[in-house]
Amino acid sequence: MENKKEVAIYEEVIKDIVKREEGDYVLPISSVLGRGSLVKQESFGGKSLVENAQKVDEAFNNTNGLQEIWNHSHSQFTWKHINLSYHSPWKNMRQISAEMASKKRALDDAKWNRVENEVKLRRLEEQLEKEHELEYWKAVKLKIKLAKLKEGLSQSNTIIEGAMKDVLALNEIYDQLKDQVSNFSEEDVENEEAKAHLKRSLVQCIRDVRQSGHITKGEQEYLEQIGVNPGRMQMMMAKYVAEERVSEDWSSKGLYSFVDHIAIELIDNIGVDKIRMEIMGFDSEYNPEFSSKTKTALVEIDD
């Protein structure tokens, strides 16, 4: 039959697809480019398209192991040092919450896509069990769909496992962070917001002074919104940066100590945030009626 000769490429590459497990199935590029109308086509480097396709398959096989390492968003080092680098543990908790929610959405999508694709796969296999009853081109189309679906299911495992790595790493960091903040509710978070924002602003102010010798306009506004006098803060920042410059300590312990000290002084002792609320005409007290009272990050507390 002439039609069968024309689509021999498909018969060759998917002839046993209905017998193979999805996890084992990968269709090499050279299996397609090595057959059919492209088999004699010239390509770059003085080689044929088939020869270059074979080299590409070898390259993918050679580097496949890398996907086992870099199939997730971040290394554990990057999570801890870069993505969760707020000076306030409360803000790091918030970041973990956002990241976990994002990963859950991604894994939920992957989960339901897998369910839907498994249904599609079984349906295609069921249809191909009666291949002898199908029109030839219909059978070819179904085989291609099945091949593509099985390969996609196999490749999706790498992506899913990468997201799982991130979730488990974040969960471990969460448990570690509970040594600093635990058994808290939304009310506790609200009560720490002023200090958390001030710590973020302080670090950014220090970077401004290091770079240009003064606090930038945007950071001045941030300080004002929290309730801090930017002029006085700039003088303190300049003094700290001058001391930091001659320090023999290569670590960032001094930075954390300075930021914590200023935040406690301005928020806990002076209450600059509350003074600003009074000036603005707002009630500085947190209203617990508008938020959840459920405690989270629970740990056992010794009596």
Protein backbone atom coordinates (compact mmCIF):
# COMPACT_ATOMS: atom_id res chain seq x y z
CA MET A 1 0.00 0.00 0.00
CA GLU A 2 1.55 3.32 -1.10
CA ASN A 3 0.34 5.21 1.95
CA LYS A 4 2.22 2.87 4.25
CA LYS A 5 5.48 3.51 2.42
CA GLU A 6 5.00 7.24 2.77
CA VAL A 7 4.64 7.06 6.54
CA ALA A 8 7.18 4.32 7.21
CA ILE A 9 9.06 6.73 9.49
CA TYR A 10 6.18 6.63 11.96
CA GLU A 11 5.81 2.88 11.75
CA GLU A 12 9.50 2.47 12.61
CA VAL A 13 9.79 4.85 15.54
CA ILE A 14 6.53 3.95 17.28
CA LYS A 15 6.04 0.33 16.30
CA ASP A 16 6.41 -0.87 19.91
CA ILE A 17 5.11 2.22 21.74
CA VAL A 18 2.00 0.48 23.09
CA LYS A 19 4.19 -2.12 24.80
CA ARG A 20 6.61 0.21 26.55
CA GLU A 21 6.37 1.81 29.97
CA GLU A 22 6.10 5.61 29.98
CA GLY A 23 9.14 5.98 32.22
CA ASP A 24 11.33 4.11 29.75
CA TYR A 25 10.21 5.84 26.61
CA VAL A 26 12.29 8.55 24.99
CA LEU A 27 12.30 9.10 21.25
CA PRO A 28 15.79 10.16 20.09
CA ILE A 29 15.94 13.04 17.64
CA SER A 30 18.04 10.97 15.28
CA SER A 31 15.32 8.31 15.15
CA VAL A 32 13.14 10.84 13.37
CA LEU A 33 15.71 12.76 11.36
CA GLY A 34 17.40 9.50 10.38
CA ARG A 35 14.39 8.36 8.42
CA GLY A 36 11.99 9.80 5.90
CA SER A 37 12.53 12.73 3.58
CA LEU A 38 15.26 14.39 5.69
CA VAL A 39 17.62 11.42 5.80
CA LYS A 40 19.97 12.74 3.06
CA GLN A 41 19.79 16.44 3.91
CA GLU A 42 23.11 18.23 4.37
CA SER A 43 23.71 20.12 7.60
CA PHE A 44 26.37 22.25 9.29
CA GLY A 45 29.99 21.20 9.77
CA GLY A 46 30.07 19.26 6.52
CA LYS A 47 27.89 16.54 8.04
CA SER A 48 24.44 15.28 7.22
CA LEU A 49 21.41 16.23 9.30
CA VAL A 50 21.29 12.66 10.60
CA GLU A 51 24.92 12.75 11.78
CA ASN A 52 24.41 16.03 13.61
CA ALA A 53 21.18 14.72 15.14
CA GLN A 54 23.06 11.68 16.45
CA LYS A 55 25.67 13.98 18.02
CA VAL A 56 22.88 16.00 19.65
CA ASP A 57 21.36 12.81 21.12
CA GLU A 58 24.79 11.91 22.49
CA ALA A 59 25.14 15.40 23.97
CA PHE A 60 21.77 15.10 25.72
CA ASN A 61 22.68 11.66 27.05
CA ASN A 62 26.04 12.98 28.21
CA THR A 63 24.50 15.86 30.20
CA ASN A 64 21.32 14.17 31.46
CA GLY A 65 22.83 13.74 34.91
CA LEU A 66 22.91 17.51 35.35
CA GLN A 67 19.11 17.55 35.40
CA GLU A 68 19.19 15.51 38.59
CA ILE A 69 21.04 18.42 40.26
CA TRP A 70 19.64 21.54 38.57
CA ASN A 71 16.01 20.53 38.08
CA HIS A 72 14.75 22.78 40.88
CA SER A 73 14.55 26.53 41.48
CA HIS A 74 17.43 27.02 43.90
CA SER A 75 20.16 25.21 45.79
CA GLN A 76 19.78 24.99 49.55
CA PHE A 77 22.59 27.54 49.89
CA THR A 78 20.72 29.98 47.61
CA TRP A 79 17.49 29.54 49.53
CA LYS A 80 19.19 30.37 52.83
CA HIS A 81 21.67 33.04 51.77
CA ILE A 82 19.93 34.81 48.89
CA ASN A 83 16.18 34.20 48.79
CA LEU A 84 15.65 34.13 52.54
CA SER A 85 18.10 36.88 53.46
CA TYR A 86 15.81 39.29 55.27
CA HIS A 87 17.23 40.57 58.57
CA SER A 88 13.84 39.89 60.11
CA PRO A 89 12.97 36.20 60.67
CA TRP A 90 9.31 37.18 60.31
CA LYS A 91 9.92 38.34 56.74
CA ASN A 92 11.79 35.10 56.03
CA MET A 93 8.76 33.20 57.33
CA ARG A 94 6.57 35.22 55.00
CA GLN A 95 8.85 34.40 52.06
CA ILE A 96 8.71 30.69 52.91
CA SER A 97 4.91 30.93 52.96
CA ALA A 98 4.87 32.55 49.50
CA GLU A 99 7.36 30.05 48.05
CA MET A 100 5.51 27.04 49.46
CA ALA A 101 2.20 28.32 48.11
CA SER A 102 3.78 28.74 44.67
CA LYS A 103 5.30 25.25 44.73
CA LYS A 104 2.00 23.75 45.88
CA ARG A 105 0.18 25.36 42.96
CA ALA A 106 2.79 24.04 40.55
CA LEU A 107 2.66 20.51 41.98
CA ASP A 108 -1.13 20.54 42.09
CA ASP A 109 -1.18 21.49 38.40
CA ALA A 110 1.35 18.75 37.65
CA LYS A 111 -0.68 16.27 39.69
CA TRP A 112 -3.90 16.91 37.82
CA ASN A 113 -2.11 17.08 34.47
CA ARG A 114 -0.72 13.65 35.24
CA VAL A 115 -4.21 12.34 36.03
CA GLU A 116 -5.60 13.81 32.81
CA ASN A 117 -2.69 12.50 30.73
CA GLU A 118 -2.99 9.03 32.26
CA VAL A 119 -6.64 9.00 31.17
CA LYS A 120 -5.66 10.14 27.67
CA LEU A 121 -2.95 7.49 27.56
CA ARG A 122 -5.30 4.66 28.58
CA ARG A 123 -7.88 5.84 26.09
CA LEU A 124 -5.35 5.87 23.26
CA GLU A 125 -4.09 2.42 24.19
CA GLU A 126 -7.66 1.15 24.26
CA GLN A 127 -8.34 2.58 20.82
CA LEU A 128 -5.16 1.03 19.43
CA GLU A 129 -6.12 -2.39 20.76
CA LYS A 130 -8.61 -2.37 17.87
CA GLU A 131 -6.11 -0.98 15.36
CA HIS A 132 -7.29 -3.45 12.72
CA GLU A 133 -10.68 -1.72 12.75
CA LEU A 134 -9.20 1.76 12.28
CA GLU A 135 -8.59 3.63 9.06
CA TYR A 136 -4.83 3.65 8.40
CA TRP A 137 -4.25 7.40 8.82
CA LYS A 138 -6.36 7.46 11.97
CA ALA A 139 -4.20 4.72 13.49
CA VAL A 140 -1.01 6.60 12.57
CA LYS A 141 -2.33 9.77 14.20
CA LEU A 142 -3.23 7.90 17.39
CA LYS A 143 0.21 6.26 17.57
CA ILE A 144 1.95 9.61 17.26
CA LYS A 145 -0.24 11.07 20.02
CA LEU A 146 0.56 8.10 22.23
CA ALA A 147 4.29 8.37 21.59
CA LYS A 148 4.32 12.09 22.33
CA LEU A 149 2.24 11.61 25.48
CA LYS A 150 4.46 8.86 26.87
CA GLU A 151 7.62 10.83 26.27
CA GLY A 152 6.05 13.89 27.88
CA LEU A 153 5.07 11.88 30.96
CA SER A 154 8.62 10.63 31.30
CA GLN A 155 10.15 14.09 30.99
CA SER A 156 7.67 15.67 33.40
CA ASN A 157 9.06 13.53 36.23
CA THR A 158 12.27 15.58 36.24
CA ILE A 159 10.31 18.82 36.67
CA ILE A 160 8.09 17.33 39.38
CA GLU A 161 11.06 15.98 41.32
CA GLY A 162 12.73 19.39 41.12
CA ALA A 163 9.72 21.08 42.70
CA MET A 164 9.64 18.37 45.37
CA LYS A 165 13.29 19.11 46.22
CA ASP A 166 12.43 22.78 46.74
CA VAL A 167 9.46 21.93 48.96
CA LEU A 168 11.51 19.62 51.18
CA ALA A 169 14.39 22.12 51.42
CA LEU A 170 11.98 24.93 52.36
CA ASN A 171 10.28 22.73 54.93
CA GLU A 172 13.64 21.99 56.58
CA ILE A 173 14.51 25.71 56.62
CA TYR A 174 11.07 26.42 58.12
CA ASP A 175 11.72 23.99 60.96
CA GLN A 176 15.12 25.57 61.57
CA LEU A 177 13.65 29.08 61.55
CA LYS A 178 11.21 28.07 64.30
CA ASP A 179 14.17 28.34 66.68
CA GLN A 180 13.83 32.12 66.23
CA VAL A 181 10.09 32.60 65.74
CA SER A 182 7.48 30.03 66.65
CA ASN A 183 3.97 29.54 68.05
CA PHE A 184 2.81 32.80 66.47
CA SER A 185 -0.46 34.05 65.05
CA GLU A 186 -1.35 36.85 62.66
CA GLU A 187 -1.49 39.20 65.64
CA ASP A 188 2.15 38.45 66.47
CA VAL A 189 3.14 39.15 62.87
CA GLU A 190 1.28 42.48 62.90
CA ASN A 191 3.05 43.48 66.10
CA GLU A 192 6.43 42.79 64.49
CA GLU A 193 5.74 44.51 61.16
CA ALA A 194 7.18 47.90 62.10
CA LYS A 195 10.45 46.39 63.25
CA ALA A 196 10.65 44.08 60.24
CA HIS A 197 10.17 46.97 57.79
CA LEU A 198 12.65 49.14 59.67
CA LYS A 199 15.31 46.42 59.52
CA ARG A 200 14.83 46.15 55.77
CA SER A 201 15.11 49.92 55.37
CA LEU A 202 18.20 50.12 57.58
CA VAL A 203 20.07 47.57 55.49
CA GLN A 204 19.15 49.40 52.30
CA CYS A 205 20.19 52.74 53.83
CA ILE A 206 23.59 51.31 54.73
CA ARG A 207 24.03 50.16 51.13
CA ASP A 208 23.11 53.64 49.91
CA VAL A 209 25.67 55.30 52.19
CA ARG A 210 28.36 52.79 51.23
CA GLN A 211 27.75 53.52 47.56
CA SER A 212 27.09 57.24 47.42
CA GLY A 213 27.61 58.65 50.92
CA HIS A 214 23.95 59.49 51.46
CA ILE A 215 20.52 57.86 51.72
CA THR A 216 18.60 57.94 48.44
CA LYS A 217 15.26 59.70 48.06
CA GLY A 218 13.29 56.46 47.90
CA GLU A 219 14.84 55.14 51.08
CA GLN A 220 14.22 58.46 52.85
CA GLU A 221 10.54 58.07 52.00
CA TYR A 222 10.54 54.50 53.35
CA LEU A 223 12.02 55.72 56.64
CA GLU A 224 9.44 58.50 56.86
CA GLN A 225 6.63 55.99 56.27
CA ILE A 226 7.88 53.94 59.20
CA GLY A 227 8.20 57.08 61.32
CA VAL A 228 11.98 57.67 61.33
CA ASN A 229 13.84 60.99 60.92
CA PRO A 230 15.94 60.40 57.71
CA GLY A 231 18.43 63.18 58.49
CA ARG A 232 19.37 61.76 61.87
CA MET A 233 19.45 58.26 60.40
CA GLN A 234 21.86 59.39 57.69
CA MET A 235 24.29 60.64 60.34
CA MET A 236 24.12 57.28 62.15
CA MET A 237 24.58 55.39 58.89
CA ALA A 238 27.65 57.46 57.96
CA LYS A 239 29.20 56.78 61.36
CA TYR A 240 28.49 53.04 61.12
CA VAL A 241 29.88 52.76 57.58
CA ALA A 242 33.05 54.59 58.64
CA GLU A 243 33.52 52.12 61.51
CA GLU A 244 32.68 49.18 59.26
CA ARG A 245 35.33 50.29 56.76
CA VAL A 246 38.17 49.92 59.29
CA SER A 247 36.84 46.81 60.99
CA GLU A 248 39.00 43.68 60.79
CA ASP A 249 35.96 41.39 60.99
CA TRP A 250 35.20 39.83 57.59
CA SER A 251 31.81 38.47 58.71
CA SER A 252 28.48 40.30 58.75
CA LYS A 253 27.95 39.91 62.50
CA GLY A 254 28.50 43.62 63.07
CA LEU A 255 25.87 44.53 60.50
CA TYR A 256 23.23 42.29 62.09
CA SER A 257 24.07 43.54 65.56
CA PHE A 258 23.83 47.19 64.48
CA VAL A 259 20.53 46.72 62.65
CA ASP A 260 18.97 44.81 65.55
CA HIS A 261 20.10 47.44 68.06
CA ILE A 262 18.66 50.36 66.06
CA ALA A 263 15.37 48.54 65.39
CA ILE A 264 14.86 47.76 69.08
CA GLU A 265 15.73 51.31 70.11
CA LEU A 266 13.45 53.05 67.60
CA ILE A 267 10.47 50.68 67.70
CA ASP A 268 10.43 49.07 71.15
CA ASN A 269 11.83 51.97 73.19
CA ILE A 270 10.94 55.18 71.32
CA GLY A 271 7.95 53.89 69.32
CA VAL A 272 8.54 56.01 66.21
CA ASP A 273 5.91 54.01 64.33
CA LYS A 274 3.24 54.78 66.92
CA ILE A 275 4.16 58.49 66.96
CA ARG A 276 3.67 58.63 63.19
CA MET A 277 0.30 56.89 63.46
CA GLU A 278 -0.85 59.53 65.96
CA ILE A 279 0.31 62.31 63.61
CA MET A 280 -1.57 60.69 60.72
CA GLY A 281 -4.70 60.31 62.82
CA PHE A 282 -4.63 56.51 62.82
CA ASP A 283 -5.09 54.17 65.74
CA SER A 284 -1.68 52.65 66.39
CA GLU A 285 -3.17 49.60 68.08
CA TYR A 286 -3.66 46.39 66.09
CA ASN A 287 -7.29 45.22 65.79
CA PRO A 288 -7.37 41.42 66.27
CA GLU A 289 -10.97 41.18 65.01
CA PHE A 290 -9.74 41.37 61.40
CA SER A 291 -7.37 38.43 61.40
CA SER A 292 -6.88 34.78 62.29
CA LYS A 293 -6.04 33.83 65.85
CA THR A 294 -4.73 30.39 64.89
CA LYS A 295 -1.17 29.73 65.99
CA THR A 296 1.34 28.31 63.51
CA ALA A 297 5.02 27.26 63.45
CA LEU A 298 4.17 25.26 66.54
CA VAL A 299 6.86 23.85 68.82
CA GLU A 300 6.58 22.40 72.29
CA ILE A 301 7.26 24.97 74.98
CA ASP A 302 8.78 23.72 78.21
CA ASP A 303 6.92 24.75 81.34
